Amino acid sequence: DVSGYETLHIDFWTADAESLRFFLINSGDITGGDAVEVAYTFDTSMKGQWVSVDIPLTAFDGVDLTQVDQFKVDGTGTIFFDNWYFCKECATAPSAVASAPTAEAGSVLSIFSDKFEDVAGTNVNPNWGQATLVSVETIAGESVLKYGNLNYQGTILSPALDVSGYTSLHIDFWTADSDALRFFLINSGDITGGDAVEVAYTFDTSMKRQWVSVDIPLTTFDGVDLTQVDQFKVDGSGTIYFDNWYFE
């Protein structure tokens, strides 16, 4: 009975696998009929290194988690495995990406997303004296933006963007440990000719270890000149994964 757990942890290493799936199963002995088996597909693109994956048990929807009696692996190549265990509140990073955006490409202005063509001239890691560690990570074959040890972090948009024709800013985020998280739109001093103008939106970080999709009304940023947005800022705590930053 693994129904009280949240994730299945698996470490694997391969030099040559092109496909790899892991199944949880209720055999016919459990169902009294046909077996029920549901697969999770690993990303095998990272060859020659150990890859740690925390699979949400929600990925095995359809399997009776109170009566798991078999595993199965299929794929190709040679695989080394270690550390298979079910865990409660253990995942420190997402094992899947956020749900694909439903917006039409022609209706968005994308800053960071594999699903759309991003605007040019974005610096996701300017030196503002921050302690935050910024990296672009690959999860399930897609890019996500990671902020580790967040205190604050900036993004510079060059040239400044006119987002006055849009109604919302979409952001997906995932965290296991953040207790505070805010996102600012900014007109820097280069735009205002004086002090910067920055207005924040506060995220609800209570939903841990899951992707949270937020559409922030641009009216939230009242006071910022939406025709000349040239910076973002994030502040807060913990480690945050971001995806799909776009205006719509």
Protein backbone atom coordinates (compact mmCIF):
# COMPACT_ATOMS: atom_id res chain seq x y z
CA ASP A 1 0.00 0.00 0.00
CA VAL A 2 1.79 3.15 -1.24
CA SER A 3 -1.27 5.39 -1.24
CA GLY A 4 0.10 7.47 1.64
CA TYR A 5 3.19 8.47 -0.29
CA GLU A 6 3.68 11.28 -2.81
CA THR A 7 6.62 10.26 -4.99
CA LEU A 8 8.64 7.33 -6.23
CA HIS A 9 12.37 8.10 -6.31
CA ILE A 10 14.61 6.38 -8.85
CA ASP A 11 18.24 7.02 -9.80
CA PHE A 12 19.44 5.72 -13.16
CA TRP A 13 22.53 5.85 -15.39
CA THR A 14 22.83 4.95 -19.06
CA ALA A 15 25.27 5.44 -21.87
CA ASP A 16 23.04 4.23 -24.68
CA ALA A 17 19.33 3.99 -23.81
CA GLU A 18 17.03 5.74 -26.26
CA SER A 19 13.84 4.84 -24.40
CA LEU A 20 13.06 3.91 -20.82
CA ARG A 21 9.74 3.46 -19.03
CA PHE A 22 8.83 2.40 -15.50
CA PHE A 23 5.44 0.82 -14.73
CA LEU A 24 3.46 0.41 -11.53
CA ILE A 25 1.14 -2.59 -11.77
CA ASN A 26 -1.85 -4.23 -10.19
CA SER A 27 -1.51 -7.78 -11.47
CA GLY A 28 -4.42 -10.08 -12.32
CA ASP A 29 -4.03 -11.60 -8.86
CA ILE A 30 -5.11 -8.22 -7.48
CA THR A 31 -7.73 -7.20 -10.04
CA GLY A 32 -9.26 -10.64 -10.54
CA GLY A 33 -9.02 -10.03 -14.28
CA ASP A 34 -6.67 -8.16 -16.57
CA ALA A 35 -3.65 -6.49 -15.03
CA VAL A 36 -3.62 -2.70 -14.75
CA GLU A 37 -0.27 -1.11 -15.56
CA VAL A 38 0.61 2.55 -16.07
CA ALA A 39 3.98 3.82 -17.28
CA TYR A 40 6.20 6.81 -16.56
CA THR A 41 8.59 7.74 -19.38
CA PHE A 42 12.09 8.86 -18.40
CA ASP A 43 14.13 11.44 -20.26
CA THR A 44 17.23 9.51 -21.39
CA SER A 45 18.95 12.42 -23.12
CA MET A 46 21.46 12.92 -20.27
CA LYS A 47 23.91 10.16 -21.09
CA GLY A 48 26.87 9.08 -18.97
CA GLN A 49 25.66 10.59 -15.70
CA TRP A 50 23.44 9.64 -12.81
CA VAL A 51 19.96 11.12 -13.13
CA SER A 52 17.71 11.42 -10.06
CA VAL A 53 13.97 11.46 -10.64
CA ASP A 54 11.10 11.94 -8.19
CA ILE A 55 8.00 10.66 -9.95
CA PRO A 56 4.69 11.98 -8.58
CA LEU A 57 2.44 9.01 -7.88
CA THR A 58 -0.30 10.94 -9.67
CA ALA A 59 1.59 9.95 -12.85
CA PHE A 60 0.27 6.43 -12.32
CA ASP A 61 -3.40 7.38 -12.39
CA GLY A 62 -5.51 4.24 -12.86
CA VAL A 63 -3.36 1.98 -10.70
CA ASP A 64 -4.80 1.10 -7.28
CA LEU A 65 -2.02 2.47 -5.08
CA THR A 66 -3.24 0.47 -2.12
CA GLN A 67 -2.37 -2.79 -3.91
CA VAL A 68 0.76 -2.37 -6.02
CA ASP A 69 2.30 -5.83 -6.43
CA GLN A 70 4.55 -5.50 -9.50
CA PHE A 71 6.93 -3.14 -11.26
CA LYS A 72 8.02 -3.36 -14.88
CA VAL A 73 10.70 -1.59 -16.89
CA ASP A 74 10.94 -1.50 -20.67
CA GLY A 75 13.19 0.33 -23.10
CA THR A 76 16.54 -0.10 -24.80
CA GLY A 77 20.23 -0.22 -23.97
CA THR A 78 21.92 -0.87 -20.66
CA ILE A 79 20.63 0.79 -17.49
CA PHE A 80 22.08 1.01 -14.01
CA PHE A 81 19.58 1.68 -11.23
CA ASP A 82 19.87 2.67 -7.58
CA ASN A 83 17.73 4.06 -4.75
CA TRP A 84 14.17 3.01 -5.56
CA TYR A 85 11.94 4.21 -2.76
CA PHE A 86 8.53 5.76 -2.10
CA CYS A 87 8.63 8.99 -0.18
CA LYS A 88 6.46 11.55 1.59
CA GLU A 89 7.43 15.20 1.11
CA CYS A 90 10.80 14.32 -0.37
CA ALA A 91 10.90 15.86 -3.83
CA THR A 92 13.21 18.87 -4.03
CA ALA A 93 12.78 19.38 -7.79
CA PRO A 94 9.97 18.77 -10.26
CA SER A 95 10.13 15.57 -12.30
CA ALA A 96 7.74 16.88 -14.93
CA VAL A 97 7.18 20.24 -16.57
CA ALA A 98 4.17 22.48 -16.14
CA SER A 99 1.08 21.81 -18.23
CA ALA A 100 1.45 23.04 -21.79
CA PRO A 101 0.04 26.55 -22.31
CA THR A 102 -3.31 26.70 -24.06
CA ALA A 103 -2.80 30.24 -25.40
CA GLU A 104 -2.39 30.74 -29.13
CA ALA A 105 1.12 31.73 -30.19
CA GLY A 106 -0.17 34.82 -32.01
CA SER A 107 -1.81 36.14 -28.87
CA VAL A 108 1.20 36.11 -26.52
CA LEU A 109 4.48 37.93 -25.94
CA SER A 110 6.77 35.25 -24.55
CA ILE A 111 9.74 35.92 -22.28
CA PHE A 112 10.66 32.34 -21.28
CA SER A 113 8.89 29.29 -22.67
CA ASP A 114 9.72 26.33 -24.89
CA LYS A 115 6.21 26.54 -26.31
CA PHE A 116 6.58 29.96 -27.92
CA GLU A 117 9.23 32.05 -29.63
CA ASP A 118 10.76 34.22 -26.90
CA VAL A 119 11.56 37.90 -27.39
CA ALA A 120 15.21 38.67 -28.04
CA GLY A 121 17.46 40.68 -25.74
CA THR A 122 16.48 39.16 -22.37
CA ASN A 123 19.17 38.83 -19.69
CA VAL A 124 17.89 36.35 -17.11
CA ASN A 125 20.87 36.77 -14.79
CA PRO A 126 22.20 40.33 -14.53
CA ASN A 127 24.67 41.06 -11.73
CA TRP A 128 22.63 42.93 -9.15
CA GLY A 129 24.66 41.69 -6.16
CA GLN A 130 22.17 38.91 -5.45
CA ALA A 131 22.85 35.65 -3.60
CA THR A 132 20.45 33.77 -5.89
CA LEU A 133 21.94 31.02 -8.05
CA VAL A 134 20.36 31.05 -11.52
CA SER A 135 20.44 28.17 -14.00
CA VAL A 136 18.43 26.83 -16.89
CA GLU A 137 17.61 23.18 -16.15
CA THR A 138 16.31 20.45 -18.46
CA ILE A 139 13.33 18.53 -17.08
CA ALA A 140 11.52 15.96 -19.19
CA GLY A 141 13.26 17.35 -22.25
CA GLU A 142 12.20 20.95 -21.70
CA SER A 143 13.92 24.03 -20.26
CA VAL A 144 12.92 25.52 -16.92
CA LEU A 145 14.44 28.44 -15.02
CA LYS A 146 15.79 27.61 -11.56
CA TYR A 147 16.38 30.15 -8.79
CA GLY A 148 18.34 28.50 -5.98
CA ASN A 149 18.89 30.13 -2.57
CA LEU A 150 16.59 32.97 -3.58
CA ASN A 151 16.93 36.35 -1.94
CA TYR A 152 16.23 38.46 -5.02
CA GLN A 153 16.83 38.15 -8.73
CA GLY A 154 16.51 40.48 -11.67
CA THR A 155 15.75 40.13 -15.37
CA ILE A 156 16.61 42.84 -17.90
CA LEU A 157 14.51 43.33 -21.04
CA SER A 158 16.33 45.14 -23.82
CA PRO A 159 14.77 46.95 -25.51
CA ALA A 160 11.96 47.82 -23.11
CA LEU A 161 8.67 46.08 -23.90
CA ASP A 162 5.32 47.68 -24.61
CA VAL A 163 2.87 45.28 -22.92
CA SER A 164 0.01 47.77 -22.68
CA GLY A 165 -2.00 45.81 -25.24
CA TYR A 166 -2.04 42.68 -23.07
CA THR A 167 -4.26 41.91 -20.07
CA SER A 168 -2.27 39.41 -17.99
CA LEU A 169 1.14 37.96 -17.21
CA HIS A 170 1.26 34.16 -17.04
CA ILE A 171 3.80 32.42 -14.79
CA ASP A 172 4.18 28.75 -13.78
CA PHE A 173 6.23 27.99 -10.66
CA TRP A 174 7.19 25.01 -8.49
CA THR A 175 8.74 25.01 -5.03
CA ALA A 176 9.32 22.60 -2.21
CA ASP A 177 10.42 25.09 0.42
CA SER A 178 9.64 28.73 -0.38
CA ASP A 179 7.71 30.67 2.24
CA ALA A 180 7.69 33.99 0.37
CA LEU A 181 7.67 34.87 -3.32
CA ARG A 182 6.97 38.14 -5.14
CA PHE A 183 7.24 39.18 -8.78
CA PHE A 184 7.81 42.82 -9.80
CA LEU A 185 7.30 44.69 -13.04
CA ILE A 186 9.71 47.61 -13.26
CA ASN A 187 10.41 50.83 -15.12
CA SER A 188 14.08 51.36 -14.34
CA GLY A 189 15.74 54.73 -13.86
CA ASP A 190 16.80 54.54 -17.49
CA ILE A 191 13.10 54.78 -18.39
CA THR A 192 11.88 57.22 -15.74
CA GLY A 193 14.92 59.52 -15.75
CA GLY A 194 14.86 59.32 -11.95
CA ASP A 195 13.91 56.70 -9.39
CA ALA A 196 12.80 53.29 -10.64
CA VAL A 197 9.11 52.39 -10.40
CA GLU A 198 8.45 48.81 -9.32
CA VAL A 199 5.21 47.15 -8.26
CA ALA A 200 4.95 43.60 -6.86
CA TYR A 201 2.53 40.70 -7.08
CA THR A 202 2.65 38.23 -4.14
CA PHE A 203 2.33 34.52 -4.93
CA ASP A 204 0.66 31.96 -2.68
CA THR A 205 3.44 29.43 -1.95
CA SER A 206 1.35 27.11 0.21
CA MET A 207 0.97 24.54 -2.60
CA LYS A 208 4.27 22.72 -2.33
CA ARG A 209 5.79 20.23 -4.79
CA GLN A 210 3.41 20.91 -7.64
CA TRP A 211 3.33 23.26 -10.59
CA VAL A 212 1.16 26.28 -9.91
CA SER A 213 -0.12 28.32 -12.87
CA VAL A 214 -0.91 31.97 -12.26
CA ASP A 215 -2.39 34.59 -14.60
CA ILE A 216 -1.65 37.96 -13.02
CA PRO A 217 -3.90 40.82 -14.22
CA LEU A 218 -1.69 43.64 -15.45
CA THR A 219 -3.92 46.02 -13.50
CA THR A 220 -2.11 44.59 -10.45
CA PHE A 221 0.94 46.59 -11.48
CA ASP A 222 -0.81 49.95 -11.36
CA GLY A 223 1.78 52.72 -11.39
CA VAL A 224 4.16 50.98 -13.79
CA ASP A 225 4.21 52.41 -17.32
CA LEU A 226 3.22 49.30 -19.28
CA THR A 227 4.49 50.82 -22.50
CA GLN A 228 8.08 50.73 -21.18
CA VAL A 229 8.66 47.65 -19.00
CA ASP A 230 12.39 47.00 -19.01
CA GLN A 231 12.97 44.89 -15.89
CA PHE A 232 11.48 42.12 -13.77
CA LYS A 233 12.47 41.30 -10.21
CA VAL A 234 11.69 38.32 -8.01
CA ASP A 235 12.29 38.22 -4.27
CA GLY A 236 11.53 35.66 -1.60
CA SER A 237 13.08 32.52 -0.16
CA GLY A 238 13.92 28.92 -0.98
CA THR A 239 14.39 27.34 -4.39
CA ILE A 240 11.96 28.12 -7.20
CA TYR A 241 11.50 26.58 -10.63
CA PHE A 242 9.81 28.78 -13.24
CA ASP A 243 8.38 28.15 -16.67
CA ASN A 244 6.13 29.85 -19.22
CA TRP A 245 6.55 33.57 -18.59
CA TYR A 246 4.42 35.32 -21.16
CA PHE A 247 2.06 38.24 -21.56
CA GLU A 248 -1.36 37.46 -23.02
